[in-house]
């Protein structure tokens, strides 16, 4: 049986965390969840710990001291996943902007041969709900810019809803991943692309969070895009 781990980084997600955990566990397929909480002052981790008594063999928690960045959270999760020998590892937000019902579709894409399946907002038009028009424009044309500079045939270069095969994660030199904010999403895709792994986009509908506060900002997004030029001239080598 293939094992599947969903990594969910959190910071102040008390409104969403129990609902997203229960929703993922309601799906068929035996998903496990790893929460990586960056010292949420709102008690997110305490909610997870309480739920661990109910889901003792499926729900795991890593607590970190303070906000250390989205990229470092996922890198920590990838190392944990590899150490525990999961076959497929997912990235997903806690706020329901990524619909858990799409997890099986990403998983199926990997079963059908993809090494990286991307939940894409833009591969089938523009499927974004309740975002301000300015943010849609920034995200969409940001991906056009990244795709043009890096030469990747990916329509949603900044997508954060993904499924990785173990084979891919084992070949990425995680210690050499440099972009730690939202640029991390671009760097991971580009690394998979440069290493010759198969990437498939799966169309999803992205819905803006209903509860809690977004961690995204224009500054974070701009920082990611500025890092693209440096990424273009880096030599990407597989882990030996």
C-alpha atoms as a PDB file:
ATOM      1  CA  UNK A   1       0.000   0.000   0.000  1.00  0.00           C
ATOM      2  CA  UNK A   2       1.307   3.452  -0.926  1.00  0.00           C
ATOM      3  CA  UNK A   3       1.628   5.788   2.035  1.00  0.00           C
ATOM      4  CA  UNK A   4       0.635   9.427   1.761  1.00  0.00           C
ATOM      5  CA  UNK A   5       1.639  12.361   3.985  1.00  0.00           C
ATOM      6  CA  UNK A   6       0.004  15.796   3.855  1.00  0.00           C
ATOM      7  CA  UNK A   7       2.243  18.564   5.214  1.00  0.00           C
ATOM      8  CA  UNK A   8       0.377  21.607   6.534  1.00  0.00           C
ATOM      9  CA  UNK A   9       2.412  24.563   7.855  1.00  0.00           C
ATOM     10  CA  UNK A  10       0.518  26.727  10.342  1.00  0.00           C
ATOM     11  CA  UNK A  11       0.721  30.095  12.029  1.00  0.00           C
ATOM     12  CA  UNK A  12      -2.402  31.333  13.820  1.00  0.00           C
ATOM     13  CA  UNK A  13      -4.868  28.929  12.195  1.00  0.00           C
ATOM     14  CA  UNK A  14      -7.084  28.090  15.179  1.00  0.00           C
ATOM     15  CA  UNK A  15     -10.241  28.826  13.145  1.00  0.00           C
ATOM     16  CA  UNK A  16      -9.320  26.296  10.466  1.00  0.00           C
ATOM     17  CA  UNK A  17      -6.999  23.649  11.839  1.00  0.00           C
ATOM     18  CA  UNK A  18      -9.469  21.166  13.334  1.00  0.00           C
ATOM     19  CA  UNK A  19     -11.794  21.412  10.336  1.00  0.00           C
ATOM     20  CA  UNK A  20      -9.018  20.822   7.804  1.00  0.00           C
ATOM     21  CA  UNK A  21      -7.632  17.857   9.774  1.00  0.00           C
ATOM     22  CA  UNK A  22     -11.036  16.196  10.062  1.00  0.00           C
ATOM     23  CA  UNK A  23     -11.761  16.814   6.398  1.00  0.00           C
ATOM     24  CA  UNK A  24      -8.517  15.184   5.233  1.00  0.00           C
ATOM     25  CA  UNK A  25      -9.081  12.204   7.515  1.00  0.00           C
ATOM     26  CA  UNK A  26     -12.601  11.778   6.130  1.00  0.00           C
ATOM     27  CA  UNK A  27     -11.157  10.978   2.693  1.00  0.00           C
ATOM     28  CA  UNK A  28     -10.563   7.433   1.562  1.00  0.00           C
ATOM     29  CA  UNK A  29      -6.963   6.394   1.055  1.00  0.00           C
ATOM     30  CA  UNK A  30      -5.398   6.534   4.501  1.00  0.00           C
ATOM     31  CA  UNK A  31      -3.790   9.968   4.440  1.00  0.00           C
ATOM     32  CA  UNK A  32      -1.498  10.980   7.280  1.00  0.00           C
ATOM     33  CA  UNK A  33      -0.974  14.611   8.320  1.00  0.00           C
ATOM     34  CA  UNK A  34       2.104  16.435   9.575  1.00  0.00           C
ATOM     35  CA  UNK A  35       1.416  19.879  11.058  1.00  0.00           C
ATOM     36  CA  UNK A  36       4.411  22.194  11.282  1.00  0.00           C
ATOM     37  CA  UNK A  37       3.491  25.039  13.601  1.00  0.00           C
ATOM     38  CA  UNK A  38       5.693  28.119  13.926  1.00  0.00           C
ATOM     39  CA  UNK A  39       4.893  29.009  17.515  1.00  0.00           C
ATOM     40  CA  UNK A  40       1.338  30.197  16.861  1.00  0.00           C
ATOM     41  CA  UNK A  41       0.330  32.441  19.789  1.00  0.00           C
ATOM     42  CA  UNK A  42      -3.363  31.678  19.153  1.00  0.00           C
ATOM     43  CA  UNK A  43      -3.081  28.071  20.376  1.00  0.00           C
ATOM     44  CA  UNK A  44      -3.108  26.253  17.034  1.00  0.00           C
ATOM     45  CA  UNK A  45      -0.625  23.652  18.295  1.00  0.00           C
ATOM     46  CA  UNK A  46      -2.707  22.976  21.408  1.00  0.00           C
ATOM     47  CA  UNK A  47      -5.686  22.103  19.193  1.00  0.00           C
ATOM     48  CA  UNK A  48      -3.530  19.706  17.191  1.00  0.00           C
ATOM     49  CA  UNK A  49      -2.218  18.036  20.349  1.00  0.00           C
ATOM     50  CA  UNK A  50      -5.768  17.472  21.547  1.00  0.00           C
ATOM     51  CA  UNK A  51      -6.681  15.882  18.218  1.00  0.00           C
ATOM     52  CA  UNK A  52      -3.627  13.619  18.387  1.00  0.00           C
ATOM     53  CA  UNK A  53      -5.346  11.649  21.147  1.00  0.00           C
ATOM     54  CA  UNK A  54      -8.073  10.822  18.629  1.00  0.00           C
ATOM     55  CA  UNK A  55      -5.793  10.272  15.626  1.00  0.00           C
ATOM     56  CA  UNK A  56      -2.695   8.933  17.384  1.00  0.00           C
ATOM     57  CA  UNK A  57      -1.196   7.036  14.466  1.00  0.00           C
ATOM     58  CA  UNK A  58      -2.118   9.456  11.691  1.00  0.00           C
ATOM     59  CA  UNK A  59      -1.614  12.990  13.014  1.00  0.00           C
ATOM     60  CA  UNK A  60       1.856  14.339  13.769  1.00  0.00           C
ATOM     61  CA  UNK A  61       3.116  17.707  14.983  1.00  0.00           C
ATOM     62  CA  UNK A  62       6.422  19.555  14.795  1.00  0.00           C
ATOM     63  CA  UNK A  63       6.555  22.756  16.823  1.00  0.00           C
ATOM     64  CA  UNK A  64       9.081  25.427  15.917  1.00  0.00           C
ATOM     65  CA  UNK A  65      10.057  28.519  17.885  1.00  0.00           C
ATOM     66  CA  UNK A  66       8.660  31.455  15.945  1.00  0.00           C
ATOM     67  CA  UNK A  67       8.038  32.259  12.281  1.00  0.00           C
ATOM     68  CA  UNK A  68      10.877  30.667  10.334  1.00  0.00           C
ATOM     69  CA  UNK A  69       9.344  30.845   6.861  1.00  0.00           C
ATOM     70  CA  UNK A  70       7.135  28.742   4.619  1.00  0.00           C
ATOM     71  CA  UNK A  71      10.026  27.180   2.739  1.00  0.00           C
ATOM     72  CA  UNK A  72      11.875  26.032   5.850  1.00  0.00           C
ATOM     73  CA  UNK A  73       8.638  24.509   7.178  1.00  0.00           C
ATOM     74  CA  UNK A  74       8.204  22.405   4.060  1.00  0.00           C
ATOM     75  CA  UNK A  75      11.885  21.437   3.973  1.00  0.00           C
ATOM     76  CA  UNK A  76      11.555  20.231   7.562  1.00  0.00           C
ATOM     77  CA  UNK A  77       8.462  18.287   6.526  1.00  0.00           C
ATOM     78  CA  UNK A  78      10.162  16.730   3.492  1.00  0.00           C
ATOM     79  CA  UNK A  79      13.061  15.505   5.606  1.00  0.00           C
ATOM     80  CA  UNK A  80      10.586  14.028   8.105  1.00  0.00           C
ATOM     81  CA  UNK A  81       8.608  12.376   5.314  1.00  0.00           C
ATOM     82  CA  UNK A  82      11.703  10.795   3.785  1.00  0.00           C
ATOM     83  CA  UNK A  83      12.894   9.603   7.187  1.00  0.00           C
ATOM     84  CA  UNK A  84       9.518   7.899   7.693  1.00  0.00           C
ATOM     85  CA  UNK A  85       9.522   6.469   4.144  1.00  0.00           C
ATOM     86  CA  UNK A  86       6.297   7.939   2.779  1.00  0.00           C
ATOM     87  CA  UNK A  87       5.767   7.252  -0.912  1.00  0.00           C
ATOM     88  CA  UNK A  88       3.909  10.496  -1.662  1.00  0.00           C
ATOM     89  CA  UNK A  89       4.166  13.843   0.094  1.00  0.00           C
ATOM     90  CA  UNK A  90       1.672  16.680  -0.313  1.00  0.00           C
ATOM     91  CA  UNK A  91       1.871  20.410   0.350  1.00  0.00           C
ATOM     92  CA  UNK A  92      -1.406  22.017   1.412  1.00  0.00           C
ATOM     93  CA  UNK A  93      -2.589  25.195   3.149  1.00  0.00           C
ATOM     94  CA  UNK A  94      -4.648  25.044   6.320  1.00  0.00           C
ATOM     95  CA  UNK A  95      -7.248  27.616   5.283  1.00  0.00           C
ATOM     96  CA  UNK A  96      -9.292  25.585   2.717  1.00  0.00           C
ATOM     97  CA  UNK A  97      -8.015  27.659  -0.205  1.00  0.00           C
ATOM     98  CA  UNK A  98      -6.786  24.223  -1.298  1.00  0.00           C
ATOM     99  CA  UNK A  99      -9.742  21.862  -1.382  1.00  0.00           C
ATOM    100  CA  UNK A 100      -8.866  18.567   0.358  1.00  0.00           C
ATOM    101  CA  UNK A 101     -11.198  16.794  -2.083  1.00  0.00           C
ATOM    102  CA  UNK A 102      -8.521  17.447  -4.737  1.00  0.00           C
ATOM    103  CA  UNK A 103      -5.878  15.414  -2.889  1.00  0.00           C
ATOM    104  CA  UNK A 104      -6.934  12.143  -4.596  1.00  0.00           C
ATOM    105  CA  UNK A 105      -6.647  13.827  -8.003  1.00  0.00           C
ATOM    106  CA  UNK A 106      -3.066  14.922  -7.314  1.00  0.00           C
ATOM    107  CA  UNK A 107      -2.279  11.459  -6.002  1.00  0.00           C
ATOM    108  CA  UNK A 108      -3.764   9.826  -9.105  1.00  0.00           C
ATOM    109  CA  UNK A 109      -1.650  12.039 -11.360  1.00  0.00           C
ATOM    110  CA  UNK A 110       1.463  10.717  -9.600  1.00  0.00           C
ATOM    111  CA  UNK A 111       0.217   7.131  -9.811  1.00  0.00           C
ATOM    112  CA  UNK A 112      -0.184   7.705 -13.559  1.00  0.00           C
ATOM    113  CA  UNK A 113       3.470   8.686 -13.938  1.00  0.00           C
ATOM    114  CA  UNK A 114       3.994  12.249 -12.703  1.00  0.00           C
ATOM    115  CA  UNK A 115       6.799  12.866 -10.237  1.00  0.00           C
ATOM    116  CA  UNK A 116       5.317  16.243  -9.280  1.00  0.00           C
ATOM    117  CA  UNK A 117       1.586  16.958  -9.521  1.00  0.00           C
ATOM    118  CA  UNK A 118       0.605  20.622  -9.207  1.00  0.00           C
ATOM    119  CA  UNK A 119      -2.851  21.842  -8.234  1.00  0.00           C
ATOM    120  CA  UNK A 120      -3.020  24.574 -10.861  1.00  0.00           C
ATOM    121  CA  UNK A 121      -5.180  27.695 -10.840  1.00  0.00           C
ATOM    122  CA  UNK A 122      -4.306  28.665 -14.400  1.00  0.00           C
ATOM    123  CA  UNK A 123      -3.891  25.562 -16.600  1.00  0.00           C
ATOM    124  CA  UNK A 124      -7.607  25.662 -17.454  1.00  0.00           C
ATOM    125  CA  UNK A 125      -8.281  29.386 -17.645  1.00  0.00           C
ATOM    126  CA  UNK A 126      -8.276  31.270 -14.338  1.00  0.00           C
ATOM    127  CA  UNK A 127      -9.962  29.369 -11.503  1.00  0.00           C
ATOM    128  CA  UNK A 128      -9.714  31.701  -8.514  1.00  0.00           C
ATOM    129  CA  UNK A 129     -12.670  32.629  -6.289  1.00  0.00           C
ATOM    130  CA  UNK A 130     -12.973  35.646  -3.979  1.00  0.00           C
ATOM    131  CA  UNK A 131      -9.524  37.107  -4.603  1.00  0.00           C
ATOM    132  CA  UNK A 132      -9.168  40.857  -5.186  1.00  0.00           C
ATOM    133  CA  UNK A 133      -8.529  41.567  -8.866  1.00  0.00           C
ATOM    134  CA  UNK A 134      -5.142  43.087  -8.046  1.00  0.00           C
ATOM    135  CA  UNK A 135      -3.957  39.899  -6.413  1.00  0.00           C
ATOM    136  CA  UNK A 136      -5.196  37.769  -9.310  1.00  0.00           C
ATOM    137  CA  UNK A 137      -3.278  39.951 -11.758  1.00  0.00           C
ATOM    138  CA  UNK A 138      -0.132  39.836  -9.599  1.00  0.00           C
ATOM    139  CA  UNK A 139      -0.300  36.047  -9.293  1.00  0.00           C
ATOM    140  CA  UNK A 140      -1.212  35.270 -12.904  1.00  0.00           C
ATOM    141  CA  UNK A 141       1.320  37.561 -14.555  1.00  0.00           C
ATOM    142  CA  UNK A 142       3.895  36.622 -11.947  1.00  0.00           C
ATOM    143  CA  UNK A 143       3.644  33.077 -13.252  1.00  0.00           C
ATOM    144  CA  UNK A 144       3.938  34.333 -16.842  1.00  0.00           C
ATOM    145  CA  UNK A 145       7.116  36.166 -15.841  1.00  0.00           C
ATOM    146  CA  UNK A 146       8.600  33.128 -14.072  1.00  0.00           C
ATOM    147  CA  UNK A 147       7.689  30.827 -16.945  1.00  0.00           C
ATOM    148  CA  UNK A 148       9.326  33.196 -19.451  1.00  0.00           C
ATOM    149  CA  UNK A 149      12.546  33.697 -17.487  1.00  0.00           C
ATOM    150  CA  UNK A 150      13.051  30.065 -16.457  1.00  0.00           C
ATOM    151  CA  UNK A 151      11.670  28.365 -19.563  1.00  0.00           C
ATOM    152  CA  UNK A 152       9.289  26.086 -17.656  1.00  0.00           C
ATOM    153  CA  UNK A 153       6.066  25.008 -19.351  1.00  0.00           C
ATOM    154  CA  UNK A 154       4.084  25.432 -16.134  1.00  0.00           C
ATOM    155  CA  UNK A 155       1.153  27.842 -16.015  1.00  0.00           C
ATOM    156  CA  UNK A 156       0.996  28.164 -12.202  1.00  0.00           C
ATOM    157  CA  UNK A 157       4.608  28.608 -11.113  1.00  0.00           C
ATOM    158  CA  UNK A 158       3.798  29.830  -7.593  1.00  0.00           C
ATOM    159  CA  UNK A 159       1.203  27.149  -6.752  1.00  0.00           C
ATOM    160  CA  UNK A 160       1.480  25.705  -3.258  1.00  0.00           C
ATOM    161  CA  UNK A 161      -0.834  22.687  -3.580  1.00  0.00           C
ATOM    162  CA  UNK A 162       1.345  19.805  -4.758  1.00  0.00           C
ATOM    163  CA  UNK A 163       2.173  16.125  -4.541  1.00  0.00           C
ATOM    164  CA  UNK A 164       5.764  14.850  -4.746  1.00  0.00           C
ATOM    165  CA  UNK A 165       6.890  11.297  -5.356  1.00  0.00           C
ATOM    166  CA  UNK A 166       9.486   9.919  -2.954  1.00  0.00           C
ATOM    167  CA  UNK A 167      11.781   9.386  -5.936  1.00  0.00           C
ATOM    168  CA  UNK A 168      11.764  13.125  -6.667  1.00  0.00           C
ATOM    169  CA  UNK A 169      12.303  14.254  -3.080  1.00  0.00           C
ATOM    170  CA  UNK A 170      15.188  11.799  -2.723  1.00  0.00           C
ATOM    171  CA  UNK A 171      16.943  13.387  -5.719  1.00  0.00           C
ATOM    172  CA  UNK A 172      16.520  17.027  -4.663  1.00  0.00           C
ATOM    173  CA  UNK A 173      19.367  18.386  -2.564  1.00  0.00           C
ATOM    174  CA  UNK A 174      17.123  19.870   0.106  1.00  0.00           C
ATOM    175  CA  UNK A 175      20.105  21.405   1.906  1.00  0.00           C
ATOM    176  CA  UNK A 176      20.791  23.493  -1.200  1.00  0.00           C
ATOM    177  CA  UNK A 177      17.287  24.980  -1.539  1.00  0.00           C
ATOM    178  CA  UNK A 178      17.855  28.696  -0.941  1.00  0.00           C
ATOM    179  CA  UNK A 179      14.538  30.491  -1.330  1.00  0.00           C
ATOM    180  CA  UNK A 180      12.667  30.325   1.963  1.00  0.00           C
ATOM    181  CA  UNK A 181       9.493  32.377   1.408  1.00  0.00           C
ATOM    182  CA  UNK A 182       6.993  32.014  -1.438  1.00  0.00           C
ATOM    183  CA  UNK A 183       9.923  31.802  -3.848  1.00  0.00           C
ATOM    184  CA  UNK A 184      10.444  28.329  -2.423  1.00  0.00           C
ATOM    185  CA  UNK A 185       7.490  27.134  -4.504  1.00  0.00           C
ATOM    186  CA  UNK A 186       9.162  28.384  -7.679  1.00  0.00           C
ATOM    187  CA  UNK A 187      12.550  26.908  -6.789  1.00  0.00           C
ATOM    188  CA  UNK A 188      11.148  23.444  -6.067  1.00  0.00           C
ATOM    189  CA  UNK A 189       9.321  23.325  -9.411  1.00  0.00           C
ATOM    190  CA  UNK A 190      12.370  24.601 -11.284  1.00  0.00           C
ATOM    191  CA  UNK A 191      14.585  22.034  -9.573  1.00  0.00           C
ATOM    192  CA  UNK A 192      12.253  19.198 -10.588  1.00  0.00           C
ATOM    193  CA  UNK A 193      12.173  20.609 -14.125  1.00  0.00           C
ATOM    194  CA  UNK A 194      15.964  20.900 -14.414  1.00  0.00           C
ATOM    195  CA  UNK A 195      16.489  17.411 -13.034  1.00  0.00           C
ATOM    196  CA  UNK A 196      14.250  16.021 -15.777  1.00  0.00           C
ATOM    197  CA  UNK A 197      11.343  14.771 -13.670  1.00  0.00           C
ATOM    198  CA  UNK A 198       7.820  14.587 -15.068  1.00  0.00           C
ATOM    199  CA  UNK A 199       5.571  17.453 -13.947  1.00  0.00           C
ATOM    200  CA  UNK A 200       1.805  17.498 -14.450  1.00  0.00           C
ATOM    201  CA  UNK A 201      -0.655  20.280 -13.687  1.00  0.00           C
ATOM    202  CA  UNK A 202      -4.070  19.285 -12.351  1.00  0.00           C
ATOM    203  CA  UNK A 203      -6.769  21.977 -12.651  1.00  0.00           C
ATOM    204  CA  UNK A 204      -8.263  23.105  -9.338  1.00  0.00           C
ATOM    205  CA  UNK A 205     -10.527  25.877  -8.120  1.00  0.00           C
ATOM    206  CA  UNK A 206      -8.683  28.055  -5.617  1.00  0.00           C
ATOM    207  CA  UNK A 207     -10.938  29.741  -3.049  1.00  0.00           C
ATOM    208  CA  UNK A 208      -9.698  32.592  -0.873  1.00  0.00           C
ATOM    209  CA  UNK A 209      -9.717  31.825   2.854  1.00  0.00           C
ATOM    210  CA  UNK A 210     -12.960  32.517   4.744  1.00  0.00           C
ATOM    211  CA  UNK A 211     -11.452  32.531   8.236  1.00  0.00           C
ATOM    212  CA  UNK A 212      -8.123  33.646   9.653  1.00  0.00           C
ATOM    213  CA  UNK A 213      -5.650  36.097   8.149  1.00  0.00           C
ATOM    214  CA  UNK A 214      -3.640  35.727   4.951  1.00  0.00           C
ATOM    215  CA  UNK A 215       0.171  35.565   5.306  1.00  0.00           C
ATOM    216  CA  UNK A 216       0.716  36.727   1.725  1.00  0.00           C
ATOM    217  CA  UNK A 217       1.951  40.240   0.947  1.00  0.00           C
ATOM    218  CA  UNK A 218       3.115  42.138  -2.083  1.00  0.00           C
ATOM    219  CA  UNK A 219       6.600  42.369  -0.599  1.00  0.00           C
ATOM    220  CA  UNK A 220       6.874  38.606  -0.199  1.00  0.00           C
ATOM    221  CA  UNK A 221       5.702  38.092  -3.773  1.00  0.00           C
ATOM    222  CA  UNK A 222       8.109  40.671  -5.172  1.00  0.00           C
ATOM    223  CA  UNK A 223      10.974  39.106  -3.254  1.00  0.00           C
ATOM    224  CA  UNK A 224      10.182  35.757  -4.837  1.00  0.00           C
ATOM    225  CA  UNK A 225      10.140  37.201  -8.345  1.00  0.00           C
ATOM    226  CA  UNK A 226      13.438  39.026  -7.852  1.00  0.00           C
ATOM    227  CA  UNK A 227      15.017  35.725  -6.846  1.00  0.00           C
ATOM    228  CA  UNK A 228      14.044  34.180 -10.179  1.00  0.00           C
ATOM    229  CA  UNK A 229      16.958  35.785 -12.029  1.00  0.00           C
ATOM    230  CA  UNK A 230      19.449  34.364  -9.535  1.00  0.00           C
ATOM    231  CA  UNK A 231      17.769  30.986  -9.858  1.00  0.00           C
ATOM    232  CA  UNK A 232      18.118  31.048 -13.651  1.00  0.00           C
ATOM    233  CA  UNK A 233      21.907  31.181 -13.419  1.00  0.00           C
ATOM    234  CA  UNK A 234      22.319  28.556 -10.716  1.00  0.00           C
ATOM    235  CA  UNK A 235      23.528  25.078 -11.509  1.00  0.00           C
ATOM    236  CA  UNK A 236      20.964  22.532 -10.312  1.00  0.00           C
ATOM    237  CA  UNK A 237      22.502  19.205  -9.388  1.00  0.00           C
ATOM    238  CA  UNK A 238      20.806  16.076  -8.022  1.00  0.00           C
ATOM    239  CA  UNK A 239      21.548  14.829  -4.531  1.00  0.00           C
ATOM    240  CA  UNK A 240      24.263  12.200  -4.639  1.00  0.00           C
END
